[in-house]
N, C-alpha and C. Protein backbone atom coordinates (compact mmCIF):
# COMPACT_ATOMS: atom_id res chain seq x y z
N MET A 1 12.49 -1.00 -49.02
CA MET A 1 13.81 -1.87 -47.50
C MET A 1 12.31 -1.73 -47.27
N THR A 2 10.99 -2.03 -46.01
CA THR A 2 10.69 -1.76 -45.52
C THR A 2 11.47 -1.94 -43.67
N THR A 3 10.54 -0.58 -42.95
CA THR A 3 11.56 -0.96 -41.19
C THR A 3 10.29 -1.66 -39.86
N PHE A 4 11.20 -2.41 -40.11
CA PHE A 4 10.14 -2.69 -38.70
C PHE A 4 9.70 -1.75 -38.08
N PRO A 5 8.10 -2.66 -37.13
CA PRO A 5 7.64 -3.60 -38.18
C PRO A 5 6.94 -2.47 -39.78
N ALA A 6 6.24 -3.76 -40.50
CA ALA A 6 5.76 -3.18 -41.10
C ALA A 6 4.06 -2.58 -41.07
N LEU A 7 4.12 -4.10 -40.31
CA LEU A 7 2.57 -3.94 -39.89
C LEU A 7 2.62 -3.11 -37.92
N ARG A 8 1.91 -2.28 -37.84
CA ARG A 8 2.27 -2.24 -36.60
C ARG A 8 0.60 -2.12 -36.03
N MET A 9 0.81 -2.92 -34.62
CA MET A 9 -0.59 -4.03 -34.46
C MET A 9 -0.82 -2.57 -33.13
N ARG A 10 -1.97 -2.09 -32.88
CA ARG A 10 -2.87 -0.93 -31.79
C ARG A 10 -3.74 -2.27 -31.82
N ARG A 11 -4.12 -1.94 -29.99
CA ARG A 11 -4.98 -2.51 -29.28
C ARG A 11 -5.81 -0.72 -29.35
N GLY A 12 -7.32 -1.70 -29.12
CA GLY A 12 -8.35 -0.54 -30.23
C GLY A 12 -8.34 0.13 -28.51
N ARG A 13 -8.48 1.26 -29.01
CA ARG A 13 -7.92 2.66 -27.90
C ARG A 13 -9.14 3.63 -27.91
N VAL A 14 -10.64 2.65 -28.19
CA VAL A 14 -11.31 3.37 -28.31
C VAL A 14 -11.57 4.19 -26.60
N ALA A 15 -12.83 2.50 -26.11
CA ALA A 15 -12.90 3.30 -25.04
C ALA A 15 -11.84 3.45 -23.76
N PRO A 16 -12.60 4.45 -22.91
CA PRO A 16 -11.91 5.39 -22.10
C PRO A 16 -11.48 3.97 -20.78
N TRP A 17 -12.45 3.07 -20.39
CA TRP A 17 -11.06 1.76 -20.04
C TRP A 17 -10.34 1.29 -20.20
N MET A 18 -10.20 1.02 -21.79
CA MET A 18 -9.04 0.48 -22.30
C MET A 18 -7.97 2.26 -21.80
N ARG A 19 -7.49 2.66 -22.37
CA ARG A 19 -7.42 3.89 -22.53
C ARG A 19 -6.70 3.63 -20.94
N ALA A 20 -7.34 3.88 -19.94
CA ALA A 20 -6.70 3.83 -18.21
C ALA A 20 -5.95 3.33 -18.50
N MET A 21 -5.79 1.80 -19.11
CA MET A 21 -5.36 0.80 -18.81
C MET A 21 -4.33 0.61 -18.94
N LEU A 22 -3.94 0.57 -20.42
CA LEU A 22 -2.85 0.93 -21.22
C LEU A 22 -1.91 1.94 -20.93
N ALA A 23 -2.29 3.24 -19.95
CA ALA A 23 -1.54 4.78 -19.73
C ALA A 23 -0.28 3.77 -19.34
N GLU A 24 0.93 4.82 -19.54
CA GLU A 24 2.11 4.34 -19.58
C GLU A 24 2.52 5.15 -17.93
N HIS A 25 2.01 6.47 -18.16
CA HIS A 25 2.05 7.21 -16.86
C HIS A 25 1.33 7.55 -15.96
N ARG A 26 1.00 7.04 -15.04
CA ARG A 26 -0.35 7.04 -14.07
C ARG A 26 0.01 6.17 -12.65
N LEU A 27 -0.24 7.17 -11.41
CA LEU A 27 0.59 6.70 -10.87
C LEU A 27 -1.46 7.48 -9.44
N HIS A 28 -1.73 6.48 -9.22
CA HIS A 28 -3.49 6.31 -8.34
C HIS A 28 -3.64 5.71 -7.86
N PRO A 29 -4.03 6.50 -5.89
CA PRO A 29 -3.81 6.18 -4.89
C PRO A 29 -3.97 4.71 -4.64
N SER A 30 -5.06 3.79 -6.38
CA SER A 30 -5.63 3.00 -5.96
C SER A 30 -4.47 2.07 -6.30
N ASP A 31 -3.08 2.48 -6.69
CA ASP A 31 -1.25 1.42 -6.59
C ASP A 31 -0.82 1.30 -5.40
N PHE A 32 -1.97 1.52 -4.27
CA PHE A 32 -0.51 1.82 -3.02
C PHE A 32 -1.41 0.91 -2.76
N ILE A 33 -0.17 0.72 -1.03
CA ILE A 33 -0.79 -0.56 -0.02
C ILE A 33 -0.48 -0.22 1.02
N TRP A 34 -1.31 1.02 1.64
CA TRP A 34 -0.73 1.24 3.80
C TRP A 34 -0.42 0.68 4.41
N PRO A 35 0.64 0.82 4.69
CA PRO A 35 1.82 -0.20 5.72
C PRO A 35 0.97 0.03 7.49
N LEU A 36 0.11 -0.65 7.82
CA LEU A 36 0.06 0.31 9.55
C LEU A 36 0.50 -1.36 10.68
N PHE A 37 1.09 -1.09 11.47
CA PHE A 37 2.45 -1.07 12.76
C PHE A 37 1.46 -1.19 13.16
N VAL A 38 0.80 -2.78 13.68
CA VAL A 38 -0.04 -2.76 15.22
C VAL A 38 1.15 -3.10 16.15
N CYS A 39 0.68 -2.22 17.39
CA CYS A 39 1.42 -2.45 18.79
C CYS A 39 -0.31 -3.74 19.78
N GLU A 40 0.35 -3.46 21.12
CA GLU A 40 -0.96 -4.58 21.12
C GLU A 40 -1.19 -3.39 22.88
N GLY A 41 -2.68 -3.93 23.08
CA GLY A 41 -3.43 -2.83 23.94
C GLY A 41 -4.47 -2.70 23.87
N GLU A 42 -5.01 -1.68 24.35
CA GLU A 42 -5.72 -1.24 23.17
C GLU A 42 -5.72 1.21 23.99
N GLY A 43 -6.97 1.18 22.76
CA GLY A 43 -6.83 2.34 22.89
C GLY A 43 -4.69 3.40 22.39
N CYS A 44 -4.90 2.34 21.44
CA CYS A 44 -3.10 2.22 22.43
C CYS A 44 -2.20 3.83 20.84
N GLU A 45 -2.02 4.62 20.42
CA GLU A 45 -0.88 4.97 19.40
C GLU A 45 0.30 5.30 20.39
N GLU A 46 1.50 4.11 19.39
CA GLU A 46 2.46 4.37 20.04
C GLU A 46 3.69 5.07 18.06
N PRO A 47 3.88 6.19 18.54
CA PRO A 47 4.71 6.92 17.69
C PRO A 47 6.29 5.93 17.19
N ILE A 48 6.74 5.56 15.75
CA ILE A 48 7.66 4.86 15.61
C ILE A 48 8.94 6.54 15.54
N GLY A 49 10.51 5.56 17.01
CA GLY A 49 11.20 7.08 15.97
C GLY A 49 12.03 7.32 15.33
N SER A 50 12.33 5.94 14.58
CA SER A 50 12.29 5.67 12.66
C SER A 50 12.43 5.54 12.00
N LEU A 51 10.69 6.33 11.84
CA LEU A 51 9.76 6.16 11.25
C LEU A 51 8.92 8.18 11.36
N PRO A 52 9.86 8.98 11.18
CA PRO A 52 8.90 10.19 12.36
C PRO A 52 7.20 10.18 11.27
N GLY A 53 6.33 11.77 12.06
CA GLY A 53 5.70 10.59 11.33
C GLY A 53 4.47 9.38 11.48
N VAL A 54 4.85 8.25 12.20
CA VAL A 54 4.50 7.06 11.38
C VAL A 54 4.11 6.53 12.93
N SER A 55 3.11 5.29 14.18
CA SER A 55 3.04 5.29 14.16
C SER A 55 2.15 3.94 14.69
N ARG A 56 2.21 3.24 15.62
CA ARG A 56 1.71 1.60 15.84
C ARG A 56 0.95 2.21 16.26
N TRP A 57 -0.20 1.19 16.03
CA TRP A 57 -1.78 1.35 16.46
C TRP A 57 -2.80 0.36 17.09
N SER A 58 -2.93 0.18 17.90
CA SER A 58 -3.47 -0.71 18.82
C SER A 58 -4.66 -1.65 17.81
N VAL A 59 -5.69 -2.30 18.57
CA VAL A 59 -5.86 -3.30 17.25
C VAL A 59 -6.66 -2.40 17.03
N ASP A 60 -7.84 -1.96 18.66
CA ASP A 60 -8.76 -1.33 18.32
C ASP A 60 -9.14 -0.23 17.13
N ARG A 61 -7.60 0.40 17.01
CA ARG A 61 -7.74 1.47 16.68
C ARG A 61 -7.43 1.01 15.32
N LEU A 62 -6.94 0.06 14.75
CA LEU A 62 -7.02 -0.13 13.36
C LEU A 62 -7.93 0.00 12.10
N ALA A 63 -9.69 -0.27 12.25
CA ALA A 63 -10.47 -0.51 11.43
C ALA A 63 -9.82 1.21 11.26
N GLY A 64 -10.60 2.30 12.43
CA GLY A 64 -10.33 4.21 12.14
C GLY A 64 -9.12 4.18 10.88
N ARG A 65 -8.13 3.44 10.96
CA ARG A 65 -7.91 4.29 10.17
C ARG A 65 -6.94 3.27 9.00
N ALA A 66 -7.82 1.72 8.81
CA ALA A 66 -8.08 1.22 7.10
C ALA A 66 -9.63 2.65 6.73
N ARG A 67 -10.32 2.88 7.47
CA ARG A 67 -11.09 3.48 6.54
C ARG A 67 -10.98 5.08 6.24
N LEU A 68 -9.76 4.86 6.47
CA LEU A 68 -8.64 6.75 6.20
C LEU A 68 -7.98 6.12 5.14
N ALA A 69 -6.97 4.96 5.28
CA ALA A 69 -6.72 4.44 4.23
C ALA A 69 -7.92 4.32 2.35
N ALA A 70 -9.23 3.62 2.99
CA ALA A 70 -10.23 3.13 2.14
C ALA A 70 -11.15 5.05 1.59
N ASP A 71 -10.78 5.81 2.60
CA ASP A 71 -11.35 7.10 2.15
C ASP A 71 -10.48 8.19 1.17
N ALA A 72 -9.08 7.51 1.21
CA ALA A 72 -8.44 8.46 0.10
C ALA A 72 -8.07 7.16 -0.81
N GLY A 73 -9.05 6.67 -1.34
CA GLY A 73 -9.14 5.53 -2.65
C GLY A 73 -7.96 4.36 -2.61
N ILE A 74 -7.19 4.59 -1.15
CA ILE A 74 -6.47 2.92 -1.14
C ILE A 74 -7.26 1.54 -0.88
N PRO A 75 -7.19 0.90 -1.35
CA PRO A 75 -7.61 -0.01 -1.63
C PRO A 75 -7.19 -1.98 -0.25
N CYS A 76 -6.19 -1.00 -0.65
CA CYS A 76 -5.95 -2.36 0.07
C CYS A 76 -5.19 -1.66 2.04
N VAL A 77 -4.88 -2.74 2.80
CA VAL A 77 -3.37 -2.49 4.12
C VAL A 77 -2.18 -3.14 4.34
N ALA A 78 -1.68 -3.65 4.53
CA ALA A 78 -0.34 -3.88 5.12
C ALA A 78 0.07 -4.17 6.38
N LEU A 79 -0.58 -5.42 7.09
CA LEU A 79 0.10 -4.83 8.96
C LEU A 79 0.63 -5.30 9.27
N PHE A 80 1.68 -5.17 10.33
CA PHE A 80 2.86 -4.84 10.38
C PHE A 80 3.18 -5.06 12.05
N PRO A 81 2.86 -6.36 12.80
CA PRO A 81 2.72 -5.83 14.67
C PRO A 81 4.64 -6.81 14.73
N ASN A 82 4.69 -6.13 15.42
CA ASN A 82 5.39 -5.33 15.98
C ASN A 82 5.56 -6.38 17.43
N THR A 83 7.31 -7.39 17.86
CA THR A 83 7.47 -8.52 18.25
C THR A 83 8.08 -7.83 19.42
N PRO A 84 7.25 -7.30 21.00
CA PRO A 84 8.43 -7.28 21.85
C PRO A 84 9.82 -7.59 21.89
N ASP A 85 10.16 -6.77 22.64
CA ASP A 85 11.92 -6.29 22.58
C ASP A 85 12.07 -8.36 23.47
N ALA A 86 11.65 -8.10 24.86
CA ALA A 86 11.35 -8.55 25.81
C ALA A 86 11.02 -10.94 24.68
N LEU A 87 10.84 -10.18 23.50
CA LEU A 87 10.60 -12.15 22.79
C LEU A 87 11.08 -11.99 22.24
N ARG A 88 12.34 -10.90 21.07
CA ARG A 88 13.19 -11.06 19.96
C ARG A 88 14.56 -11.97 20.53
N THR A 89 15.28 -12.73 19.44
CA THR A 89 16.38 -13.55 19.64
C THR A 89 17.02 -13.36 18.63
N ASP A 90 18.30 -13.38 18.51
CA ASP A 90 18.95 -13.18 18.56
C ASP A 90 19.12 -14.22 16.27
N ASP A 91 18.32 -14.91 16.92
CA ASP A 91 18.19 -16.17 15.65
C ASP A 91 17.15 -16.47 15.32
N ALA A 92 16.24 -14.90 15.42
CA ALA A 92 15.17 -15.78 15.00
C ALA A 92 14.09 -16.60 15.48
N GLY A 93 14.48 -17.02 16.82
CA GLY A 93 13.51 -18.38 16.67
C GLY A 93 13.42 -18.90 17.49
C-alpha cells in the first residue's frame, strides 16, 4: 500500500526568483503599506495622541514622508485624511 501522494508534484525551484516567490516564511519591507495621516494647512505636523510616535502631516509634507517609505523599500502608502471635529456627525451624514 502506498501513502498519499504516490507522486509528489513539485514546481521547479531552480531559479532564485521562483524560490523567493514560494518561500513560506518571509517578511520584507515590500510586503508593507505605510499609512500617512493627513491634516489641513501648510508645514504642519500634528502628533496623534492615541498613536504614540505617529503624526498627521499637511499635504506639502507628504511627499517627503512617502520618500522615506520608498527609501525603506515600502512600495505603497495609504492616505488617511482627518475630518475636523466640527464637521463630524453622529450618523456620519
